[in-house]
Each structure stands twice: as structure tokens, then as C-alpha cells.
Amino acid sequence: MTHTYKTNGTCSRTITFDLEDGIVRGVRFEGGCHGNLQGIGKLVEGRPAAEVAETLAGIRCGFKPTSCPDQLAKALTEALAQEQEAAQ
């Protein structure tokens, strides 16, 4: 299922990704540091969403209280909850 998450407090504006049986696929960031965010997308491709969220949660960007990786963690956590709720 495709998910789109509106980020908060980062240079990127949205994150779009697919979850297939809890596995992360096709992460795309709109805005932000294009090369770095492409790298993040490649690194998390094919990994379990819960594992990625746990790994990336809490990463900060400079003095900001969040970062693009932290926002991806929030997006994945929210998407996993939505899919679990829909399955019930």
C-alpha cells in the first residue's frame, strides 16, 4: 500500500513510500537534500519498516528537534499502525 506523509520541521515536504507485508519499498522524498535522501531511500529499501523506524527515530538535524530520517521513522510508524488497524 502506498503512503504519503507530510513532514514537519524539515527541508523535505513529503515522504511517499510503499509497505508490502511490513517491508519498505520505493521511498521518495519531496524537497530536502536530494542526494542524501536518495541514499536513505536506498539504504532502507527491502528492510522491515519496524526495524527502520526504530533505527532512525530520534535523529536530529543540527539544532532542529527532528530530521528527515526521524520524519521517515514517524511516517513508517504511522503507516504500520494504519495497516494494522485496517487488517482488523
PDB file of N, CA and C in Angstrom:
ATOM      1  N   MET A   1       0.840  -1.169   0.000  1.00  0.00           N
ATOM      2  CA  MET A   1       0.000   0.000   0.000  1.00  0.00           C
ATOM      3  C   MET A   1       0.893   1.242   0.000  1.00  0.00           C
ATOM      4  N   THR A   2       0.528   2.232  -0.781  1.00  0.00           N
ATOM      5  CA  THR A   2       1.286   3.483  -0.861  1.00  0.00           C
ATOM      6  C   THR A   2       0.841   4.434   0.242  1.00  0.00           C
ATOM      7  N   HIS A   3       1.827   5.052   0.868  1.00  0.00           N
ATOM      8  CA  HIS A   3       1.578   6.013   1.940  1.00  0.00           C
ATOM      9  C   HIS A   3       2.286   7.316   1.608  1.00  0.00           C
ATOM     10  N   THR A   4       1.657   8.432   1.952  1.00  0.00           N
ATOM     11  CA  THR A   4       2.274   9.747   1.818  1.00  0.00           C
ATOM     12  C   THR A   4       2.189  10.443   3.161  1.00  0.00           C
ATOM     13  N   TYR A   5       3.312  10.977   3.607  1.00  0.00           N
ATOM     14  CA  TYR A   5       3.415  11.606   4.926  1.00  0.00           C
ATOM     15  C   TYR A   5       3.903  13.034   4.744  1.00  0.00           C
ATOM     16  N   LYS A   6       3.178  13.993   5.311  1.00  0.00           N
ATOM     17  CA  LYS A   6       3.587  15.395   5.284  1.00  0.00           C
ATOM     18  C   LYS A   6       4.545  15.620   6.441  1.00  0.00           C
ATOM     19  N   THR A   7       5.767  15.997   6.127  1.00  0.00           N
ATOM     20  CA  THR A   7       6.789  16.171   7.153  1.00  0.00           C
ATOM     21  C   THR A   7       6.583  17.465   7.925  1.00  0.00           C
ATOM     22  N   ASN A   8       7.224  17.544   9.065  1.00  0.00           N
ATOM     23  CA  ASN A   8       7.120  18.714   9.933  1.00  0.00           C
ATOM     24  C   ASN A   8       8.507  19.046  10.470  1.00  0.00           C
ATOM     25  N   GLY A   9       8.969  20.283  10.243  1.00  0.00           N
ATOM     26  CA  GLY A   9      10.229  20.725  10.815  1.00  0.00           C
ATOM     27  C   GLY A   9      11.466  20.345  10.026  1.00  0.00           C
ATOM     28  N   THR A  10      11.289  19.947   8.746  1.00  0.00           N
ATOM     29  CA  THR A  10      12.436  19.564   7.917  1.00  0.00           C
ATOM     30  C   THR A  10      12.367  20.280   6.573  1.00  0.00           C
ATOM     31  N   CYS A  11      13.453  20.216   5.841  1.00  0.00           N
ATOM     32  CA  CYS A  11      13.502  20.807   4.498  1.00  0.00           C
ATOM     33  C   CYS A  11      12.630  20.017   3.518  1.00  0.00           C
ATOM     34  N   SER A  12      12.562  18.722   3.695  1.00  0.00           N
ATOM     35  CA  SER A  12      11.675  17.928   2.834  1.00  0.00           C
ATOM     36  C   SER A  12      10.231  18.238   3.212  1.00  0.00           C
ATOM     37  N   ARG A  13       9.341  18.118   2.218  1.00  0.00           N
ATOM     38  CA  ARG A  13       7.927  18.452   2.449  1.00  0.00           C
ATOM     39  C   ARG A  13       7.052  17.223   2.624  1.00  0.00           C
ATOM     40  N   THR A  14       7.334  16.188   1.851  1.00  0.00           N
ATOM     41  CA  THR A  14       6.558  14.952   1.956  1.00  0.00           C
ATOM     42  C   THR A  14       7.466  13.745   1.742  1.00  0.00           C
ATOM     43  N   ILE A  15       6.997  12.625   2.265  1.00  0.00           N
ATOM     44  CA  ILE A  15       7.662  11.337   2.043  1.00  0.00           C
ATOM     45  C   ILE A  15       6.590  10.392   1.514  1.00  0.00           C
ATOM     46  N   THR A  16       6.883   9.737   0.404  1.00  0.00           N
ATOM     47  CA  THR A  16       5.977   8.747  -0.166  1.00  0.00           C
ATOM     48  C   THR A  16       6.713   7.416  -0.204  1.00  0.00           C
ATOM     49  N   PHE A  17       6.025   6.359   0.168  1.00  0.00           N
ATOM     50  CA  PHE A  17       6.639   5.028   0.196  1.00  0.00           C
ATOM     51  C   PHE A  17       5.555   3.977   0.135  1.00  0.00           C
ATOM     52  N   ASP A  18       5.965   2.767  -0.167  1.00  0.00           N
ATOM     53  CA  ASP A  18       5.066   1.617  -0.160  1.00  0.00           C
ATOM     54  C   ASP A  18       5.465   0.695   0.974  1.00  0.00           C
ATOM     55  N   LEU A  19       4.471   0.044   1.548  1.00  0.00           N
ATOM     56  CA  LEU A  19       4.699  -1.039   2.502  1.00  0.00           C
ATOM     57  C   LEU A  19       4.096  -2.300   1.903  1.00  0.00           C
ATOM     58  N   GLU A  20       4.900  -3.333   1.792  1.00  0.00           N
ATOM     59  CA  GLU A  20       4.439  -4.626   1.297  1.00  0.00           C
ATOM     60  C   GLU A  20       4.713  -5.653   2.382  1.00  0.00           C
ATOM     61  N   ASP A  21       3.674  -6.051   3.090  1.00  0.00           N
ATOM     62  CA  ASP A  21       3.813  -7.002   4.194  1.00  0.00           C
ATOM     63  C   ASP A  21       4.837  -6.516   5.217  1.00  0.00           C
ATOM     64  N   GLY A  22       4.801  -5.217   5.509  1.00  0.00           N
ATOM     65  CA  GLY A  22       5.685  -4.639   6.515  1.00  0.00           C
ATOM     66  C   GLY A  22       7.089  -4.323   6.033  1.00  0.00           C
ATOM     67  N   ILE A  23       7.330  -4.477   4.732  1.00  0.00           N
ATOM     68  CA  ILE A  23       8.644  -4.214   4.140  1.00  0.00           C
ATOM     69  C   ILE A  23       8.598  -2.879   3.392  1.00  0.00           C
ATOM     70  N   VAL A  24       9.637  -2.061   3.566  1.00  0.00           N
ATOM     71  CA  VAL A  24       9.710  -0.734   2.952  1.00  0.00           C
ATOM     72  C   VAL A  24      10.113  -0.856   1.486  1.00  0.00           C
ATOM     73  N   ARG A  25       9.386  -0.151   0.632  1.00  0.00           N
ATOM     74  CA  ARG A  25       9.678  -0.129  -0.803  1.00  0.00           C
ATOM     75  C   ARG A  25       9.512   1.304  -1.335  1.00  0.00           C
ATOM     76  N   GLY A  26      10.362   1.697  -2.249  1.00  0.00           N
ATOM     77  CA  GLY A  26      10.188   2.918  -3.039  1.00  0.00           C
ATOM     78  C   GLY A  26      10.075   4.209  -2.261  1.00  0.00           C
ATOM     79  N   VAL A  27      10.963   4.459  -1.323  1.00  0.00           N
ATOM     80  CA  VAL A  27      10.911   5.706  -0.539  1.00  0.00           C
ATOM     81  C   VAL A  27      11.300   6.876  -1.425  1.00  0.00           C
ATOM     82  N   ARG A  28      10.455   7.918  -1.445  1.00  0.00           N
ATOM     83  CA  ARG A  28      10.710   9.124  -2.221  1.00  0.00           C
ATOM     84  C   ARG A  28      10.426  10.342  -1.348  1.00  0.00           C
ATOM     85  N   PHE A  29      11.392  11.227  -1.247  1.00  0.00           N
ATOM     86  CA  PHE A  29      11.242  12.475  -0.509  1.00  0.00           C
ATOM     87  C   PHE A  29      10.994  13.602  -1.504  1.00  0.00           C
ATOM     88  N   GLU A  30      10.129  14.535  -1.164  1.00  0.00           N
ATOM     89  CA  GLU A  30       9.940  15.746  -1.958  1.00  0.00           C
ATOM     90  C   GLU A  30      10.604  16.883  -1.202  1.00  0.00           C
ATOM     91  N   GLY A  31      11.563  17.544  -1.840  1.00  0.00           N
ATOM     92  CA  GLY A  31      12.321  18.604  -1.187  1.00  0.00           C
ATOM     93  C   GLY A  31      13.474  18.017  -0.397  1.00  0.00           C
ATOM     94  N   GLY A  32      14.210  18.876   0.262  1.00  0.00           N
ATOM     95  CA  GLY A  32      15.316  18.424   1.089  1.00  0.00           C
ATOM     96  C   GLY A  32      16.594  18.211   0.291  1.00  0.00           C
ATOM     97  N   CYS A  33      17.569  17.581   0.903  1.00  0.00           N
ATOM     98  CA  CYS A  33      18.891  17.325   0.307  1.00  0.00           C
ATOM     99  C   CYS A  33      18.795  16.083  -0.567  1.00  0.00           C
ATOM    100  N   HIS A  34      18.616  16.302  -1.848  1.00  0.00           N
ATOM    101  CA  HIS A  34      18.258  15.229  -2.777  1.00  0.00           C
ATOM    102  C   HIS A  34      19.196  14.026  -2.711  1.00  0.00           C
ATOM    103  N   GLY A  35      20.484  14.250  -2.776  1.00  0.00           N
ATOM    104  CA  GLY A  35      21.428  13.128  -2.765  1.00  0.00           C
ATOM    105  C   GLY A  35      21.369  12.338  -1.479  1.00  0.00           C
ATOM    106  N   ASN A  36      21.364  13.028  -0.346  1.00  0.00           N
ATOM    107  CA  ASN A  36      21.299  12.342   0.944  1.00  0.00           C
ATOM    108  C   ASN A  36      19.998  11.559   1.090  1.00  0.00           C
ATOM    109  N   LEU A  37      18.905  12.144   0.648  1.00  0.00           N
ATOM    110  CA  LEU A  37      17.615  11.483   0.811  1.00  0.00           C
ATOM    111  C   LEU A  37      17.461  10.300  -0.142  1.00  0.00           C
ATOM    112  N   GLN A  38      18.078  10.382  -1.317  1.00  0.00           N
ATOM    113  CA  GLN A  38      18.101   9.211  -2.199  1.00  0.00           C
ATOM    114  C   GLN A  38      18.877   8.086  -1.520  1.00  0.00           C
ATOM    115  N   GLY A  39      19.977   8.440  -0.867  1.00  0.00           N
ATOM    116  CA  GLY A  39      20.779   7.451  -0.154  1.00  0.00           C
ATOM    117  C   GLY A  39      19.992   6.773   0.950  1.00  0.00           C
ATOM    118  N   ILE A  40      19.262   7.542   1.722  1.00  0.00           N
ATOM    119  CA  ILE A  40      18.429   6.970   2.783  1.00  0.00           C
ATOM    120  C   ILE A  40      17.418   6.003   2.177  1.00  0.00           C
ATOM    121  N   GLY A  41      16.770   6.429   1.089  1.00  0.00           N
ATOM    122  CA  GLY A  41      15.797   5.566   0.425  1.00  0.00           C
ATOM    123  C   GLY A  41      16.394   4.239  -0.001  1.00  0.00           C
ATOM    124  N   LYS A  42      17.602   4.269  -0.560  1.00  0.00           N
ATOM    125  CA  LYS A  42      18.278   3.035  -0.993  1.00  0.00           C
ATOM    126  C   LYS A  42      18.667   2.164   0.199  1.00  0.00           C
ATOM    127  N   LEU A  43      19.109   2.798   1.280  1.00  0.00           N
ATOM    128  CA  LEU A  43      19.536   2.030   2.457  1.00  0.00           C
ATOM    129  C   LEU A  43      18.385   1.309   3.155  1.00  0.00           C
ATOM    130  N   VAL A  44      17.185   1.880   3.109  1.00  0.00           N
ATOM    131  CA  VAL A  44      16.056   1.255   3.811  1.00  0.00           C
ATOM    132  C   VAL A  44      15.242   0.334   2.908  1.00  0.00           C
ATOM    133  N   GLU A  45      15.497   0.363   1.611  1.00  0.00           N
ATOM    134  CA  GLU A  45      14.760  -0.471   0.658  1.00  0.00           C
ATOM    135  C   GLU A  45      14.868  -1.948   1.034  1.00  0.00           C
ATOM    136  N   GLY A  46      13.710  -2.603   1.136  1.00  0.00           N
ATOM    137  CA  GLY A  46      13.669  -4.033   1.409  1.00  0.00           C
ATOM    138  C   GLY A  46      13.805  -4.415   2.867  1.00  0.00           C
ATOM    139  N   ARG A  47      13.923  -3.436   3.738  1.00  0.00           N
ATOM    140  CA  ARG A  47      14.067  -3.724   5.172  1.00  0.00           C
ATOM    141  C   ARG A  47      12.705  -3.661   5.865  1.00  0.00           C
ATOM    142  N   PRO A  48      12.551  -4.347   6.977  1.00  0.00           N
ATOM    143  CA  PRO A  48      11.303  -4.275   7.736  1.00  0.00           C
ATOM    144  C   PRO A  48      11.058  -2.850   8.250  1.00  0.00           C
ATOM    145  N   ALA A  49       9.853  -2.361   8.044  1.00  0.00           N
ATOM    146  CA  ALA A  49       9.509  -0.984   8.426  1.00  0.00           C
ATOM    147  C   ALA A  49       9.718  -0.735   9.913  1.00  0.00           C
ATOM    148  N   ALA A  50       9.360  -1.689  10.754  1.00  0.00           N
ATOM    149  CA  ALA A  50       9.511  -1.502  12.203  1.00  0.00           C
ATOM    150  C   ALA A  50      10.984  -1.351  12.576  1.00  0.00           C
ATOM    151  N   GLU A  51      11.843  -2.123  11.930  1.00  0.00           N
ATOM    152  CA  GLU A  51      13.286  -2.049  12.187  1.00  0.00           C
ATOM    153  C   GLU A  51      13.844  -0.690  11.732  1.00  0.00           C
ATOM    154  N   VAL A  52      13.426  -0.236  10.559  1.00  0.00           N
ATOM    155  CA  VAL A  52      13.878   1.056  10.046  1.00  0.00           C
ATOM    156  C   VAL A  52      13.426   2.176  10.969  1.00  0.00           C
ATOM    157  N   ALA A  53      12.154   2.133  11.399  1.00  0.00           N
ATOM    158  CA  ALA A  53      11.628   3.170  12.281  1.00  0.00           C
ATOM    159  C   ALA A  53      12.406   3.223  13.590  1.00  0.00           C
ATOM    160  N   GLU A  54      12.712   2.080  14.149  1.00  0.00           N
ATOM    161  CA  GLU A  54      13.464   2.035  15.405  1.00  0.00           C
ATOM    162  C   GLU A  54      14.878   2.597  15.220  1.00  0.00           C
ATOM    163  N   THR A  55      15.490   2.285  14.093  1.00  0.00           N
ATOM    164  CA  THR A  55      16.854   2.734  13.819  1.00  0.00           C
ATOM    165  C   THR A  55      16.932   4.247  13.617  1.00  0.00           C
ATOM    166  N   LEU A  56      15.956   4.813  12.915  1.00  0.00           N
ATOM    167  CA  LEU A  56      16.019   6.225  12.531  1.00  0.00           C
ATOM    168  C   LEU A  56      15.372   7.182  13.524  1.00  0.00           C
ATOM    169  N   ALA A  57      14.530   6.674  14.409  1.00  0.00           N
ATOM    170  CA  ALA A  57      13.807   7.543  15.352  1.00  0.00           C
ATOM    171  C   ALA A  57      14.772   8.323  16.231  1.00  0.00           C
ATOM    172  N   GLY A  58      14.494   9.613  16.358  1.00  0.00           N
ATOM    173  CA  GLY A  58      15.258  10.457  17.271  1.00  0.00           C
ATOM    174  C   GLY A  58      16.472  11.135  16.668  1.00  0.00           C
ATOM    175  N   ILE A  59      16.793  10.853  15.405  1.00  0.00           N
ATOM    176  CA  ILE A  59      17.925  11.531  14.761  1.00  0.00           C
ATOM    177  C   ILE A  59      17.550  12.997  14.569  1.00  0.00           C
ATOM    178  N   ARG A  60      18.485  13.869  14.919  1.00  0.00           N
ATOM    179  CA  ARG A  60      18.251  15.309  14.811  1.00  0.00           C
ATOM    180  C   ARG A  60      19.108  15.898  13.696  1.00  0.00           C
ATOM    181  N   CYS A  61      18.666  17.011  13.158  1.00  0.00           N
ATOM    182  CA  CYS A  61      19.402  17.743  12.128  1.00  0.00           C
ATOM    183  C   CYS A  61      19.849  19.067  12.745  1.00  0.00           C
ATOM    184  N   GLY A  62      21.123  19.155  13.068  1.00  0.00           N
ATOM    185  CA  GLY A  62      21.631  20.382  13.696  1.00  0.00           C
ATOM    186  C   GLY A  62      20.908  20.645  14.999  1.00  0.00           C
ATOM    187  N   PHE A  63      20.372  21.852  15.115  1.00  0.00           N
ATOM    188  CA  PHE A  63      19.655  22.235  16.330  1.00  0.00           C
ATOM    189  C   PHE A  63      18.156  21.950  16.248  1.00  0.00           C
ATOM    190  N   LYS A  64      17.712  21.417  15.119  1.00  0.00           N
ATOM    191  CA  LYS A  64      16.291  21.083  14.963  1.00  0.00           C
ATOM    192  C   LYS A  64      15.960  19.863  15.830  1.00  0.00           C
ATOM    193  N   PRO A  65      14.731  19.778  16.316  1.00  0.00           N
ATOM    194  CA  PRO A  65      14.355  18.626  17.148  1.00  0.00           C
ATOM    195  C   PRO A  65      14.050  17.364  16.330  1.00  0.00           C
ATOM    196  N   THR A  66      14.153  17.444  15.008  1.00  0.00           N
ATOM    197  CA  THR A  66      13.842  16.311  14.136  1.00  0.00           C
ATOM    198  C   THR A  66      14.785  16.340  12.941  1.00  0.00           C
ATOM    199  N   SER A  67      14.588  15.425  12.008  1.00  0.00           N
ATOM    200  CA  SER A  67      15.383  15.345  10.780  1.00  0.00           C
ATOM    201  C   SER A  67      14.561  14.572   9.761  1.00  0.00           C
ATOM    202  N   CYS A  68      15.046  14.522   8.537  1.00  0.00           N
ATOM    203  CA  CYS A  68      14.346  13.726   7.523  1.00  0.00           C
ATOM    204  C   CYS A  68      14.307  12.237   7.904  1.00  0.00           C
ATOM    205  N   PRO A  69      15.413  11.658   8.411  1.00  0.00           N
ATOM    206  CA  PRO A  69      15.317  10.263   8.847  1.00  0.00           C
ATOM    207  C   PRO A  69      14.315  10.071   9.995  1.00  0.00           C
ATOM    208  N   ASP A  70      14.283  11.003  10.938  1.00  0.00           N
ATOM    209  CA  ASP A  70      13.331  10.930  12.043  1.00  0.00           C
ATOM    210  C   ASP A  70      11.898  11.030  11.520  1.00  0.00           C
ATOM    211  N   GLN A  71      11.683  11.900  10.544  1.00  0.00           N
ATOM    212  CA  GLN A  71      10.349  12.025   9.954  1.00  0.00           C
ATOM    213  C   GLN A  71       9.954  10.741   9.221  1.00  0.00           C
ATOM    214  N   LEU A  72      10.916  10.090   8.574  1.00  0.00           N
ATOM    215  CA  LEU A  72      10.629   8.800   7.937  1.00  0.00           C
ATOM    216  C   LEU A  72      10.238   7.772   8.999  1.00  0.00           C
ATOM    217  N   ALA A  73      10.914   7.777  10.134  1.00  0.00           N
ATOM    218  CA  ALA A  73      10.557   6.861  11.226  1.00  0.00           C
ATOM    219  C   ALA A  73       9.119   7.101  11.674  1.00  0.00           C
ATOM    220  N   LYS A  74       8.741   8.362  11.825  1.00  0.00           N
ATOM    221  CA  LYS A  74       7.368   8.699  12.223  1.00  0.00           C
ATOM    222  C   LYS A  74       6.369   8.243  11.157  1.00  0.00           C
ATOM    223  N   ALA A  75       6.720   8.468   9.889  1.00  0.00           N
ATOM    224  CA  ALA A  75       5.843   8.070   8.790  1.00  0.00           C
ATOM    225  C   ALA A  75       5.641   6.555   8.766  1.00  0.00           C
ATOM    226  N   LEU A  76       6.711   5.812   8.945  1.00  0.00           N
ATOM    227  CA  LEU A  76       6.606   4.352   8.934  1.00  0.00           C
ATOM    228  C   LEU A  76       5.794   3.837  10.112  1.00  0.00           C
ATOM    229  N   THR A  77       6.013   4.413  11.290  1.00  0.00           N
ATOM    230  CA  THR A  77       5.260   4.007  12.474  1.00  0.00           C
ATOM    231  C   THR A  77       3.775   4.253  12.274  1.00  0.00           C
ATOM    232  N   GLU A  78       3.445   5.416  11.729  1.00  0.00           N
ATOM    233  CA  GLU A  78       2.043   5.759  11.467  1.00  0.00           C
ATOM    234  C   GLU A  78       1.440   4.812  10.423  1.00  0.00           C
ATOM    235  N   ALA A  79       2.176   4.529   9.360  1.00  0.00           N
ATOM    236  CA  ALA A  79       1.680   3.649   8.303  1.00  0.00           C
ATOM    237  C   ALA A  79       1.466   2.220   8.825  1.00  0.00           C
ATOM    238  N   LEU A  80       2.384   1.733   9.626  1.00  0.00           N
ATOM    239  CA  LEU A  80       2.226   0.395  10.204  1.00  0.00           C
ATOM    240  C   LEU A  80       0.978   0.322  11.075  1.00  0.00           C
ATOM    241  N   ALA A  81       0.727   1.368  11.857  1.00  0.00           N
ATOM    242  CA  ALA A  81      -0.480   1.403  12.699  1.00  0.00           C
ATOM    243  C   ALA A  81      -1.733   1.428  11.851  1.00  0.00           C
ATOM    244  N   GLN A  82      -1.718   2.216  10.772  1.00  0.00           N
ATOM    245  CA  GLN A  82      -2.887   2.280   9.885  1.00  0.00           C
ATOM    246  C   GLN A  82      -3.161   0.940   9.220  1.00  0.00           C
ATOM    247  N   GLU A  83      -2.102   0.275   8.771  1.00  0.00           N
ATOM    248  CA  GLU A  83      -2.296  -1.016   8.113  1.00  0.00           C
ATOM    249  C   GLU A  83      -2.757  -2.079   9.100  1.00  0.00           C
ATOM    250  N   GLN A  84      -2.250  -2.021  10.323  1.00  0.00           N
ATOM    251  CA  GLN A  84      -2.685  -2.982  11.340  1.00  0.00           C
ATOM    252  C   GLN A  84      -4.159  -2.756  11.673  1.00  0.00           C
ATOM    253  N   GLU A  85      -4.556  -1.494  11.784  1.00  0.00           N
ATOM    254  CA  GLU A  85      -5.952  -1.158  12.081  1.00  0.00           C
ATOM    255  C   GLU A  85      -6.861  -1.613  10.957  1.00  0.00           C
ATOM    256  N   ALA A  86      -6.435  -1.415   9.717  1.00  0.00           N
ATOM    257  CA  ALA A  86      -7.245  -1.802   8.557  1.00  0.00           C
ATOM    258  C   ALA A  86      -7.400  -3.324   8.465  1.00  0.00           C
ATOM    259  N   ALA A  87      -6.423  -4.057   8.949  1.00  0.00           N
ATOM    260  CA  ALA A  87      -6.454  -5.517   8.883  1.00  0.00           C
ATOM    261  C   ALA A  87      -7.411  -6.128   9.902  1.00  0.00           C
ATOM    262  N   GLN A  88      -7.788  -5.360  10.894  1.00  0.00           N
ATOM    263  CA  GLN A  88      -8.663  -5.898  11.956  1.00  0.00           C
ATOM    264  C   GLN A  88     -10.106  -5.834  11.601  1.00  0.00           C
TER     265      GLN A  88
END
